[in-house]
Amino acid sequence: MNTQSTYGARDTYFQSQYAIVLRNNLVAEKVCDVNTSDLKRIQNPYGGQPTATIQAVAGTYSVSAWTVTDDALTVTDEVIYAEHVFAHEEFFAVFDIAASRLDNMMYSVAFGIDKFVINNLCEDATGAYTTPVGGFTTAANINTIMGNLQSKVAGYEDAYKGTFLIVENTDLVGFAIAGATNGFSVADSNLRNGFMGSWMGTDIYIIRTGTFVTATLGSVSVTNSGHRVFGVKGVATYASPRGMNYEEKGITLKTGKEIVVYGLVGFKLWTQKAALVVDITLA
């Protein structure tokens, strides 16, 4: 510790590191397949859906043409954050704030990737649904909305993978009230434990307000303000080659170190499965 007047008294630090800042929930890995290999491109070619003919016994048939369409994920974007730490910033020697700061930087990049994936998932969905007036914030709408959403993917074999719904924290009001007033065991559980994160077999993931955006994210423009997303798990893939990357380097004319954290990202909602993800418009 130095002997400046501001440190005339002995200080007690709350922790060995600064307390971690408030963080948003990360959900992309819970609803997508994730690829962290070195590949820049992941290919998934497909043929058209064959439709069998039902006919009286005849022993004859017609021959259809078969074509292959390329479907590929390409890593085209990066999420990055950098800071410079001067050598004279002695608080790094007082206690281990550096590890805490690096952890915060890595989270910032991770959240950027998550936001990129969630918005692309919503943008590329070919299923569509508009909620009744009041959306998820109106408790009386919840059962109707969930029933309609599940009907969008019911009957497909992929549905066994389980379904998800991603909403923002302000939408939780309707679920909380509906959970406390629907049925005996459901209401008892919600009243004792709070909303448990599942409704009618669908896993509900809560993210913070402002994650669904109308904006340009890297190479992609999305129009998701006022939207939410529902679908079958695992029908989309995002790639993050080598995961999170960290570099620390000295630079000319400045003491200390420059620290940069970055991650590459690519996303694909596979064409053949795009109908299993629903873009929800709030009314």
C-alpha atoms as a PDB file:
ATOM      1  CA  MET A   1       0.000   0.000   0.000  1.00  0.00           C
ATOM      2  CA  ASN A   2       1.275   3.524  -0.674  1.00  0.00           C
ATOM      3  CA  THR A   3       1.449   6.318   1.871  1.00  0.00           C
ATOM      4  CA  GLN A   4      -0.744   8.916   0.178  1.00  0.00           C
ATOM      5  CA  SER A   5      -3.099  10.790   2.505  1.00  0.00           C
ATOM      6  CA  THR A   6      -6.122   9.027   1.065  1.00  0.00           C
ATOM      7  CA  TYR A   7      -4.678   5.794   2.447  1.00  0.00           C
ATOM      8  CA  GLY A   8      -3.842   7.097   5.909  1.00  0.00           C
ATOM      9  CA  ALA A   9      -6.251   4.507   7.301  1.00  0.00           C
ATOM     10  CA  ARG A  10      -5.947   0.786   6.639  1.00  0.00           C
ATOM     11  CA  ASP A  11      -8.601  -0.302   4.153  1.00  0.00           C
ATOM     12  CA  THR A  12     -10.471  -3.575   4.031  1.00  0.00           C
ATOM     13  CA  TYR A  13     -11.388  -4.788   0.569  1.00  0.00           C
ATOM     14  CA  PHE A  14     -14.742  -6.450   0.060  1.00  0.00           C
ATOM     15  CA  GLN A  15     -13.178  -9.281  -1.956  1.00  0.00           C
ATOM     16  CA  SER A  16      -9.828 -10.183  -3.457  1.00  0.00           C
ATOM     17  CA  GLN A  17     -11.319  -8.961  -6.728  1.00  0.00           C
ATOM     18  CA  TYR A  18     -13.790  -6.235  -7.544  1.00  0.00           C
ATOM     19  CA  ALA A  19     -17.362  -7.482  -7.406  1.00  0.00           C
ATOM     20  CA  ILE A  20     -18.481  -8.655 -10.831  1.00  0.00           C
ATOM     21  CA  VAL A  21     -20.838  -6.258 -12.603  1.00  0.00           C
ATOM     22  CA  LEU A  22     -24.474  -7.148 -13.224  1.00  0.00           C
ATOM     23  CA  ARG A  23     -24.660  -9.567 -16.131  1.00  0.00           C
ATOM     24  CA  ASN A  24     -27.359 -10.605 -18.541  1.00  0.00           C
ATOM     25  CA  ASN A  25     -28.324 -14.245 -18.886  1.00  0.00           C
ATOM     26  CA  LEU A  26     -26.619 -16.063 -21.796  1.00  0.00           C
ATOM     27  CA  VAL A  27     -28.921 -18.501 -23.582  1.00  0.00           C
ATOM     28  CA  ALA A  28     -27.612 -19.143 -27.114  1.00  0.00           C
ATOM     29  CA  GLU A  29     -25.744 -22.317 -26.130  1.00  0.00           C
ATOM     30  CA  LYS A  30     -28.925 -23.703 -24.541  1.00  0.00           C
ATOM     31  CA  VAL A  31     -30.990 -23.533 -27.741  1.00  0.00           C
ATOM     32  CA  CYS A  32     -28.430 -23.977 -30.554  1.00  0.00           C
ATOM     33  CA  ASP A  33     -25.784 -26.483 -31.535  1.00  0.00           C
ATOM     34  CA  VAL A  34     -22.339 -24.952 -30.992  1.00  0.00           C
ATOM     35  CA  ASN A  35     -19.211 -25.552 -33.071  1.00  0.00           C
ATOM     36  CA  THR A  36     -15.874 -24.258 -31.725  1.00  0.00           C
ATOM     37  CA  SER A  37     -13.573 -25.940 -34.260  1.00  0.00           C
ATOM     38  CA  ASP A  38     -11.209 -24.003 -36.553  1.00  0.00           C
ATOM     39  CA  LEU A  39     -13.618 -24.314 -39.482  1.00  0.00           C
ATOM     40  CA  LYS A  40     -14.686 -21.114 -41.222  1.00  0.00           C
ATOM     41  CA  ARG A  41     -17.411 -22.872 -43.203  1.00  0.00           C
ATOM     42  CA  ILE A  42     -19.816 -25.674 -42.250  1.00  0.00           C
ATOM     43  CA  GLN A  43     -21.759 -27.212 -45.164  1.00  0.00           C
ATOM     44  CA  ASN A  44     -25.105 -28.945 -44.973  1.00  0.00           C
ATOM     45  CA  PRO A  45     -26.382 -29.689 -48.518  1.00  0.00           C
ATOM     46  CA  TYR A  46     -29.932 -30.973 -48.863  1.00  0.00           C
ATOM     47  CA  GLY A  47     -32.319 -32.372 -51.443  1.00  0.00           C
ATOM     48  CA  GLY A  48     -35.959 -31.558 -51.865  1.00  0.00           C
ATOM     49  CA  GLN A  49     -38.588 -33.352 -49.793  1.00  0.00           C
ATOM     50  CA  PRO A  50     -39.788 -36.449 -51.712  1.00  0.00           C
ATOM     51  CA  THR A  51     -43.533 -37.070 -51.708  1.00  0.00           C
ATOM     52  CA  ALA A  52     -44.639 -40.656 -52.240  1.00  0.00           C
ATOM     53  CA  THR A  53     -47.587 -41.399 -54.533  1.00  0.00           C
ATOM     54  CA  ILE A  54     -50.557 -43.286 -53.165  1.00  0.00           C
ATOM     55  CA  GLN A  55     -52.210 -45.276 -55.945  1.00  0.00           C
ATOM     56  CA  ALA A  56     -54.084 -48.434 -56.738  1.00  0.00           C
ATOM     57  CA  VAL A  57     -51.831 -51.406 -57.399  1.00  0.00           C
ATOM     58  CA  ALA A  58     -50.448 -50.963 -60.890  1.00  0.00           C
ATOM     59  CA  GLY A  59     -46.733 -51.713 -60.768  1.00  0.00           C
ATOM     60  CA  THR A  60     -45.941 -48.509 -62.653  1.00  0.00           C
ATOM     61  CA  TYR A  61     -44.341 -45.292 -61.461  1.00  0.00           C
ATOM     62  CA  SER A  62     -43.048 -41.917 -62.585  1.00  0.00           C
ATOM     63  CA  VAL A  63     -39.467 -40.740 -62.093  1.00  0.00           C
ATOM     64  CA  SER A  64     -38.777 -37.385 -60.458  1.00  0.00           C
ATOM     65  CA  ALA A  65     -35.695 -35.211 -60.940  1.00  0.00           C
ATOM     66  CA  TRP A  66     -33.407 -34.834 -57.921  1.00  0.00           C
ATOM     67  CA  THR A  67     -31.361 -31.729 -57.189  1.00  0.00           C
ATOM     68  CA  VAL A  68     -29.067 -30.776 -54.348  1.00  0.00           C
ATOM     69  CA  THR A  69     -29.052 -27.323 -52.755  1.00  0.00           C
ATOM     70  CA  ASP A  70     -26.041 -26.121 -50.797  1.00  0.00           C
ATOM     71  CA  ASP A  71     -26.733 -24.809 -47.303  1.00  0.00           C
ATOM     72  CA  ALA A  72     -23.748 -23.468 -45.386  1.00  0.00           C
ATOM     73  CA  LEU A  73     -22.717 -21.578 -42.279  1.00  0.00           C
ATOM     74  CA  THR A  74     -19.880 -19.117 -42.841  1.00  0.00           C
ATOM     75  CA  VAL A  75     -18.046 -17.298 -40.065  1.00  0.00           C
ATOM     76  CA  THR A  76     -18.185 -13.654 -41.112  1.00  0.00           C
ATOM     77  CA  ASP A  77     -18.296 -11.599 -37.907  1.00  0.00           C
ATOM     78  CA  GLU A  78     -16.316 -10.927 -34.761  1.00  0.00           C
ATOM     79  CA  VAL A  79     -17.077  -9.472 -31.342  1.00  0.00           C
ATOM     80  CA  ILE A  80     -14.167  -7.574 -29.807  1.00  0.00           C
ATOM     81  CA  TYR A  81     -13.231  -5.338 -26.855  1.00  0.00           C
ATOM     82  CA  ALA A  82      -9.873  -3.810 -25.888  1.00  0.00           C
ATOM     83  CA  GLU A  83      -8.385  -1.656 -23.127  1.00  0.00           C
ATOM     84  CA  HIS A  84      -4.985  -0.190 -22.322  1.00  0.00           C
ATOM     85  CA  VAL A  85      -3.551  -0.363 -18.793  1.00  0.00           C
ATOM     86  CA  PHE A  86      -0.700   2.043 -17.970  1.00  0.00           C
ATOM     87  CA  ALA A  87       2.168   0.886 -15.795  1.00  0.00           C
ATOM     88  CA  HIS A  88       1.642   3.760 -13.373  1.00  0.00           C
ATOM     89  CA  GLU A  89      -1.861   2.550 -12.500  1.00  0.00           C
ATOM     90  CA  GLU A  90      -0.627   1.068  -9.268  1.00  0.00           C
ATOM     91  CA  PHE A  91      -3.985  -0.185  -8.095  1.00  0.00           C
ATOM     92  CA  PHE A  92      -3.274  -3.305 -10.118  1.00  0.00           C
ATOM     93  CA  ALA A  93      -0.539  -4.036  -7.604  1.00  0.00           C
ATOM     94  CA  VAL A  94      -2.746  -3.390  -4.574  1.00  0.00           C
ATOM     95  CA  PHE A  95      -4.994  -6.370  -5.180  1.00  0.00           C
ATOM     96  CA  ASP A  96      -6.029  -8.563  -8.062  1.00  0.00           C
ATOM     97  CA  ILE A  97      -8.388  -6.310  -9.969  1.00  0.00           C
ATOM     98  CA  ALA A  98      -6.736  -7.348 -13.244  1.00  0.00           C
ATOM     99  CA  ALA A  99      -8.244 -10.840 -13.199  1.00  0.00           C
ATOM    100  CA  SER A 100     -11.669  -9.375 -12.433  1.00  0.00           C
ATOM    101  CA  ARG A 101     -11.367  -6.843 -15.238  1.00  0.00           C
ATOM    102  CA  LEU A 102     -10.329  -9.485 -17.763  1.00  0.00           C
ATOM    103  CA  ASP A 103     -13.267 -11.627 -16.663  1.00  0.00           C
ATOM    104  CA  ASN A 104     -15.607  -8.699 -17.305  1.00  0.00           C
ATOM    105  CA  MET A 105     -14.090  -8.118 -20.740  1.00  0.00           C
ATOM    106  CA  MET A 106     -14.558 -11.767 -21.661  1.00  0.00           C
ATOM    107  CA  TYR A 107     -18.177 -11.648 -20.526  1.00  0.00           C
ATOM    108  CA  SER A 108     -18.770  -8.545 -22.657  1.00  0.00           C
ATOM    109  CA  VAL A 109     -17.601 -10.444 -25.740  1.00  0.00           C
ATOM    110  CA  ALA A 110     -19.615 -13.530 -24.774  1.00  0.00           C
ATOM    111  CA  PHE A 111     -22.764 -11.423 -24.421  1.00  0.00           C
ATOM    112  CA  GLY A 112     -22.084  -9.829 -27.819  1.00  0.00           C
ATOM    113  CA  ILE A 113     -21.972 -13.294 -29.389  1.00  0.00           C
ATOM    114  CA  ASP A 114     -25.150 -14.287 -27.548  1.00  0.00           C
ATOM    115  CA  LYS A 115     -26.981 -11.164 -28.727  1.00  0.00           C
ATOM    116  CA  PHE A 116     -25.810 -11.770 -32.294  1.00  0.00           C
ATOM    117  CA  VAL A 117     -27.060 -15.375 -32.255  1.00  0.00           C
ATOM    118  CA  ILE A 118     -30.447 -14.642 -30.633  1.00  0.00           C
ATOM    119  CA  ASN A 119     -31.237 -11.846 -33.090  1.00  0.00           C
ATOM    120  CA  ASN A 120     -30.187 -13.923 -36.091  1.00  0.00           C
ATOM    121  CA  LEU A 121     -32.318 -16.803 -34.811  1.00  0.00           C
ATOM    122  CA  CYS A 122     -35.360 -14.525 -34.645  1.00  0.00           C
ATOM    123  CA  GLU A 123     -34.592 -12.824 -37.963  1.00  0.00           C
ATOM    124  CA  ASP A 124     -34.147 -16.058 -39.958  1.00  0.00           C
ATOM    125  CA  ALA A 125     -37.167 -17.904 -38.537  1.00  0.00           C
ATOM    126  CA  THR A 126     -39.770 -18.702 -41.198  1.00  0.00           C
ATOM    127  CA  GLY A 127     -42.504 -19.502 -38.678  1.00  0.00           C
ATOM    128  CA  ALA A 128     -44.523 -16.433 -37.695  1.00  0.00           C
ATOM    129  CA  TYR A 129     -47.003 -15.598 -34.951  1.00  0.00           C
ATOM    130  CA  THR A 130     -48.587 -12.411 -33.597  1.00  0.00           C
ATOM    131  CA  THR A 131     -49.696 -12.446 -29.963  1.00  0.00           C
ATOM    132  CA  PRO A 132     -53.073 -11.231 -28.725  1.00  0.00           C
ATOM    133  CA  VAL A 133     -53.085  -7.604 -27.567  1.00  0.00           C
ATOM    134  CA  GLY A 134     -50.988  -7.304 -24.416  1.00  0.00           C
ATOM    135  CA  GLY A 135     -48.556 -10.025 -25.413  1.00  0.00           C
ATOM    136  CA  PHE A 136     -46.863 -11.946 -22.624  1.00  0.00           C
ATOM    137  CA  THR A 137     -47.484  -9.246 -20.029  1.00  0.00           C
ATOM    138  CA  THR A 138     -51.200 -10.122 -19.901  1.00  0.00           C
ATOM    139  CA  ALA A 139     -51.683 -13.254 -17.803  1.00  0.00           C
ATOM    140  CA  ALA A 140     -54.887 -14.230 -19.623  1.00  0.00           C
ATOM    141  CA  ASN A 141     -52.905 -14.490 -22.882  1.00  0.00           C
ATOM    142  CA  ILE A 142     -50.265 -16.975 -21.699  1.00  0.00           C
ATOM    143  CA  ASN A 143     -52.105 -20.264 -22.232  1.00  0.00           C
ATOM    144  CA  THR A 144     -53.440 -19.128 -25.607  1.00  0.00           C
ATOM    145  CA  ILE A 145     -50.009 -17.975 -26.793  1.00  0.00           C
ATOM    146  CA  MET A 146     -48.240 -21.134 -25.632  1.00  0.00           C
ATOM    147  CA  GLY A 147     -50.877 -23.382 -27.186  1.00  0.00           C
ATOM    148  CA  ASN A 148     -50.640 -21.556 -30.519  1.00  0.00           C
ATOM    149  CA  LEU A 149     -46.838 -21.632 -30.506  1.00  0.00           C
ATOM    150  CA  GLN A 150     -46.653 -25.335 -29.757  1.00  0.00           C
ATOM    151  CA  SER A 151     -49.124 -26.051 -32.552  1.00  0.00           C
ATOM    152  CA  LYS A 152     -46.650 -24.449 -34.972  1.00  0.00           C
ATOM    153  CA  VAL A 153     -44.093 -27.247 -34.470  1.00  0.00           C
ATOM    154  CA  ALA A 154     -46.293 -30.126 -33.306  1.00  0.00           C
ATOM    155  CA  GLY A 155     -46.309 -33.204 -35.515  1.00  0.00           C
ATOM    156  CA  TYR A 156     -42.697 -32.865 -36.679  1.00  0.00           C
ATOM    157  CA  GLU A 157     -40.329 -35.564 -35.477  1.00  0.00           C
ATOM    158  CA  ASP A 158     -37.757 -32.968 -34.407  1.00  0.00           C
ATOM    159  CA  ALA A 159     -40.138 -31.747 -31.704  1.00  0.00           C
ATOM    160  CA  TYR A 160     -38.859 -34.505 -29.404  1.00  0.00           C
ATOM    161  CA  LYS A 161     -35.711 -32.388 -28.892  1.00  0.00           C
ATOM    162  CA  GLY A 162     -37.776 -30.015 -26.777  1.00  0.00           C
ATOM    163  CA  THR A 163     -38.963 -26.476 -27.357  1.00  0.00           C
ATOM    164  CA  PHE A 164     -37.752 -23.101 -26.097  1.00  0.00           C
ATOM    165  CA  LEU A 165     -39.109 -19.586 -25.771  1.00  0.00           C
ATOM    166  CA  ILE A 166     -36.832 -16.563 -25.346  1.00  0.00           C
ATOM    167  CA  VAL A 167     -38.497 -13.479 -23.858  1.00  0.00           C
ATOM    168  CA  GLU A 168     -37.298 -10.314 -22.148  1.00  0.00           C
ATOM    169  CA  ASN A 169     -37.588  -9.697 -18.411  1.00  0.00           C
ATOM    170  CA  THR A 170     -40.557  -7.356 -18.813  1.00  0.00           C
ATOM    171  CA  ASP A 171     -42.570 -10.267 -20.269  1.00  0.00           C
ATOM    172  CA  LEU A 172     -42.211 -12.269 -17.073  1.00  0.00           C
ATOM    173  CA  VAL A 173     -45.146 -10.443 -15.435  1.00  0.00           C
ATOM    174  CA  GLY A 174     -47.753 -12.427 -17.336  1.00  0.00           C
ATOM    175  CA  PHE A 175     -46.071 -15.765 -16.623  1.00  0.00           C
ATOM    176  CA  ALA A 176     -45.752 -14.994 -12.915  1.00  0.00           C
ATOM    177  CA  ILE A 177     -49.428 -14.066 -12.515  1.00  0.00           C
ATOM    178  CA  ALA A 178     -50.667 -16.912 -14.711  1.00  0.00           C
ATOM    179  CA  GLY A 179     -48.495 -19.383 -12.839  1.00  0.00           C
ATOM    180  CA  ALA A 180     -49.999 -18.350  -9.533  1.00  0.00           C
ATOM    181  CA  THR A 181     -53.572 -18.694 -10.762  1.00  0.00           C
ATOM    182  CA  ASN A 182     -53.610 -21.737 -13.099  1.00  0.00           C
ATOM    183  CA  GLY A 183     -54.436 -25.062 -11.456  1.00  0.00           C
ATOM    184  CA  PHE A 184     -53.608 -26.271  -7.956  1.00  0.00           C
ATOM    185  CA  SER A 185     -50.156 -27.875  -8.187  1.00  0.00           C
ATOM    186  CA  VAL A 186     -48.881 -25.302 -10.692  1.00  0.00           C
ATOM    187  CA  ALA A 187     -50.159 -22.405  -8.589  1.00  0.00           C
ATOM    188  CA  ASP A 188     -48.774 -23.905  -5.368  1.00  0.00           C
ATOM    189  CA  SER A 189     -45.358 -24.415  -6.959  1.00  0.00           C
ATOM    190  CA  ASN A 190     -45.239 -20.899  -8.385  1.00  0.00           C
ATOM    191  CA  LEU A 191     -46.443 -19.292  -5.175  1.00  0.00           C
ATOM    192  CA  ARG A 192     -43.794 -21.147  -3.133  1.00  0.00           C
ATOM    193  CA  ASN A 193     -40.855 -21.006  -5.518  1.00  0.00           C
ATOM    194  CA  GLY A 194     -41.589 -18.293  -8.076  1.00  0.00           C
ATOM    195  CA  PHE A 195     -41.719 -18.879 -11.812  1.00  0.00           C
ATOM    196  CA  MET A 196     -39.797 -22.106 -12.510  1.00  0.00           C
ATOM    197  CA  GLY A 197     -38.831 -21.458 -16.126  1.00  0.00           C
ATOM    198  CA  SER A 198     -41.124 -23.882 -17.939  1.00  0.00           C
ATOM    199  CA  TRP A 199     -44.669 -23.708 -19.310  1.00  0.00           C
ATOM    200  CA  MET A 200     -46.573 -26.525 -21.019  1.00  0.00           C
ATOM    201  CA  GLY A 201     -43.298 -28.387 -21.475  1.00  0.00           C
ATOM    202  CA  THR A 202     -41.532 -25.446 -23.124  1.00  0.00           C
ATOM    203  CA  ASP A 203     -38.360 -24.102 -21.480  1.00  0.00           C
ATOM    204  CA  ILE A 204     -38.591 -20.334 -20.942  1.00  0.00           C
ATOM    205  CA  TYR A 205     -35.365 -18.326 -21.106  1.00  0.00           C
ATOM    206  CA  ILE A 206     -35.391 -14.780 -19.752  1.00  0.00           C
ATOM    207  CA  ILE A 207     -33.039 -12.154 -21.180  1.00  0.00           C
ATOM    208  CA  ARG A 208     -32.821  -8.459 -20.339  1.00  0.00           C
ATOM    209  CA  THR A 209     -34.788  -5.708 -22.046  1.00  0.00           C
ATOM    210  CA  GLY A 210     -33.008  -4.404 -25.137  1.00  0.00           C
ATOM    211  CA  THR A 211     -31.525  -7.690 -26.325  1.00  0.00           C
ATOM    212  CA  PHE A 212     -33.999  -8.005 -29.204  1.00  0.00           C
ATOM    213  CA  VAL A 213     -33.051  -5.021 -31.377  1.00  0.00           C
ATOM    214  CA  THR A 214     -33.581  -3.366 -34.715  1.00  0.00           C
ATOM    215  CA  ALA A 215     -29.999  -2.632 -35.674  1.00  0.00           C
ATOM    216  CA  THR A 216     -27.000  -3.637 -37.741  1.00  0.00           C
ATOM    217  CA  LEU A 217     -24.979  -6.338 -35.982  1.00  0.00           C
ATOM    218  CA  GLY A 218     -21.743  -6.822 -37.870  1.00  0.00           C
ATOM    219  CA  SER A 219     -22.607  -7.967 -41.398  1.00  0.00           C
ATOM    220  CA  VAL A 220     -26.303  -8.542 -40.585  1.00  0.00           C
ATOM    221  CA  SER A 221     -29.210  -6.128 -40.263  1.00  0.00           C
ATOM    222  CA  VAL A 222     -32.053  -7.294 -38.019  1.00  0.00           C
ATOM    223  CA  THR A 223     -35.519  -5.886 -37.274  1.00  0.00           C
ATOM    224  CA  ASN A 224     -36.405  -7.519 -33.988  1.00  0.00           C
ATOM    225  CA  SER A 225     -37.524  -4.694 -31.717  1.00  0.00           C
ATOM    226  CA  GLY A 226     -40.881  -5.817 -30.291  1.00  0.00           C
ATOM    227  CA  HIS A 227     -40.223  -9.427 -31.270  1.00  0.00           C
ATOM    228  CA  ARG A 228     -39.508 -12.643 -29.369  1.00  0.00           C
ATOM    229  CA  VAL A 229     -38.537 -16.122 -30.574  1.00  0.00           C
ATOM    230  CA  PHE A 230     -39.859 -19.669 -30.040  1.00  0.00           C
ATOM    231  CA  GLY A 231     -38.764 -22.963 -31.537  1.00  0.00           C
ATOM    232  CA  VAL A 232     -37.296 -26.440 -31.369  1.00  0.00           C
ATOM    233  CA  LYS A 233     -33.882 -26.753 -29.741  1.00  0.00           C
ATOM    234  CA  GLY A 234     -30.851 -27.702 -31.775  1.00  0.00           C
ATOM    235  CA  VAL A 235     -32.098 -26.892 -35.290  1.00  0.00           C
ATOM    236  CA  ALA A 236     -29.748 -23.899 -35.619  1.00  0.00           C
ATOM    237  CA  THR A 237     -25.959 -23.841 -35.314  1.00  0.00           C
ATOM    238  CA  TYR A 238     -23.555 -21.117 -34.376  1.00  0.00           C
ATOM    239  CA  ALA A 239     -19.807 -21.356 -34.822  1.00  0.00           C
ATOM    240  CA  SER A 240     -17.235 -19.629 -32.636  1.00  0.00           C
ATOM    241  CA  PRO A 241     -13.834 -20.861 -33.843  1.00  0.00           C
ATOM    242  CA  ARG A 242     -11.535 -21.561 -30.864  1.00  0.00           C
ATOM    243  CA  GLY A 243     -14.042 -19.859 -28.558  1.00  0.00           C
ATOM    244  CA  MET A 244     -12.815 -16.782 -26.704  1.00  0.00           C
ATOM    245  CA  ASN A 245      -9.411 -15.345 -27.621  1.00  0.00           C
ATOM    246  CA  TYR A 246      -7.180 -13.130 -25.465  1.00  0.00           C
ATOM    247  CA  GLU A 247      -4.070 -11.131 -26.295  1.00  0.00           C
ATOM    248  CA  GLU A 248      -1.822  -8.938 -24.138  1.00  0.00           C
ATOM    249  CA  LYS A 249       0.822  -6.824 -25.856  1.00  0.00           C
ATOM    250  CA  GLY A 250       3.145  -3.917 -25.266  1.00  0.00           C
ATOM    251  CA  ILE A 251       2.878  -0.926 -27.605  1.00  0.00           C
ATOM    252  CA  THR A 252       5.248   1.897 -28.490  1.00  0.00           C
ATOM    253  CA  LEU A 253       5.124   5.296 -26.732  1.00  0.00           C
ATOM    254  CA  LYS A 254       3.035   3.945 -23.849  1.00  0.00           C
ATOM    255  CA  THR A 255       3.907   2.061 -20.704  1.00  0.00           C
ATOM    256  CA  GLY A 256       1.880  -0.903 -19.557  1.00  0.00           C
ATOM    257  CA  LYS A 257      -0.054  -3.333 -21.709  1.00  0.00           C
ATOM    258  CA  GLU A 258      -2.817  -3.337 -24.274  1.00  0.00           C
ATOM    259  CA  ILE A 259      -5.390  -6.047 -23.608  1.00  0.00           C
ATOM    260  CA  VAL A 260      -7.818  -7.323 -26.250  1.00  0.00           C
ATOM    261  CA  VAL A 261     -10.483 -10.010 -26.022  1.00  0.00           C
ATOM    262  CA  TYR A 262     -12.328 -11.190 -29.120  1.00  0.00           C
ATOM    263  CA  GLY A 263     -14.373 -14.010 -30.550  1.00  0.00           C
ATOM    264  CA  LEU A 264     -15.358 -14.945 -34.109  1.00  0.00           C
ATOM    265  CA  VAL A 265     -18.944 -15.936 -34.811  1.00  0.00           C
ATOM    266  CA  GLY A 266     -21.100 -17.343 -37.577  1.00  0.00           C
ATOM    267  CA  PHE A 267     -24.726 -18.445 -37.460  1.00  0.00           C
ATOM    268  CA  LYS A 268     -27.085 -20.570 -39.528  1.00  0.00           C
ATOM    269  CA  LEU A 269     -30.691 -21.597 -39.068  1.00  0.00           C
ATOM    270  CA  TRP A 270     -30.650 -24.536 -41.438  1.00  0.00           C
ATOM    271  CA  THR A 271     -33.067 -24.043 -44.329  1.00  0.00           C
ATOM    272  CA  GLN A 272     -34.765 -27.417 -43.963  1.00  0.00           C
ATOM    273  CA  LYS A 273     -35.533 -26.698 -40.295  1.00  0.00           C
ATOM    274  CA  ALA A 274     -36.345 -22.965 -40.439  1.00  0.00           C
ATOM    275  CA  ALA A 275     -40.092 -23.575 -40.020  1.00  0.00           C
ATOM    276  CA  LEU A 276     -39.358 -25.051 -36.584  1.00  0.00           C
ATOM    277  CA  VAL A 277     -38.406 -21.592 -35.285  1.00  0.00           C
ATOM    278  CA  VAL A 278     -41.122 -18.934 -34.893  1.00  0.00           C
ATOM    279  CA  ASP A 279     -40.645 -15.163 -35.049  1.00  0.00           C
ATOM    280  CA  ILE A 280     -43.123 -13.737 -32.521  1.00  0.00           C
ATOM    281  CA  THR A 281     -44.494 -10.223 -32.958  1.00  0.00           C
ATOM    282  CA  LEU A 282     -45.872  -8.621 -29.794  1.00  0.00           C
ATOM    283  CA  ALA A 283     -49.261  -6.970 -30.214  1.00  0.00           C
END
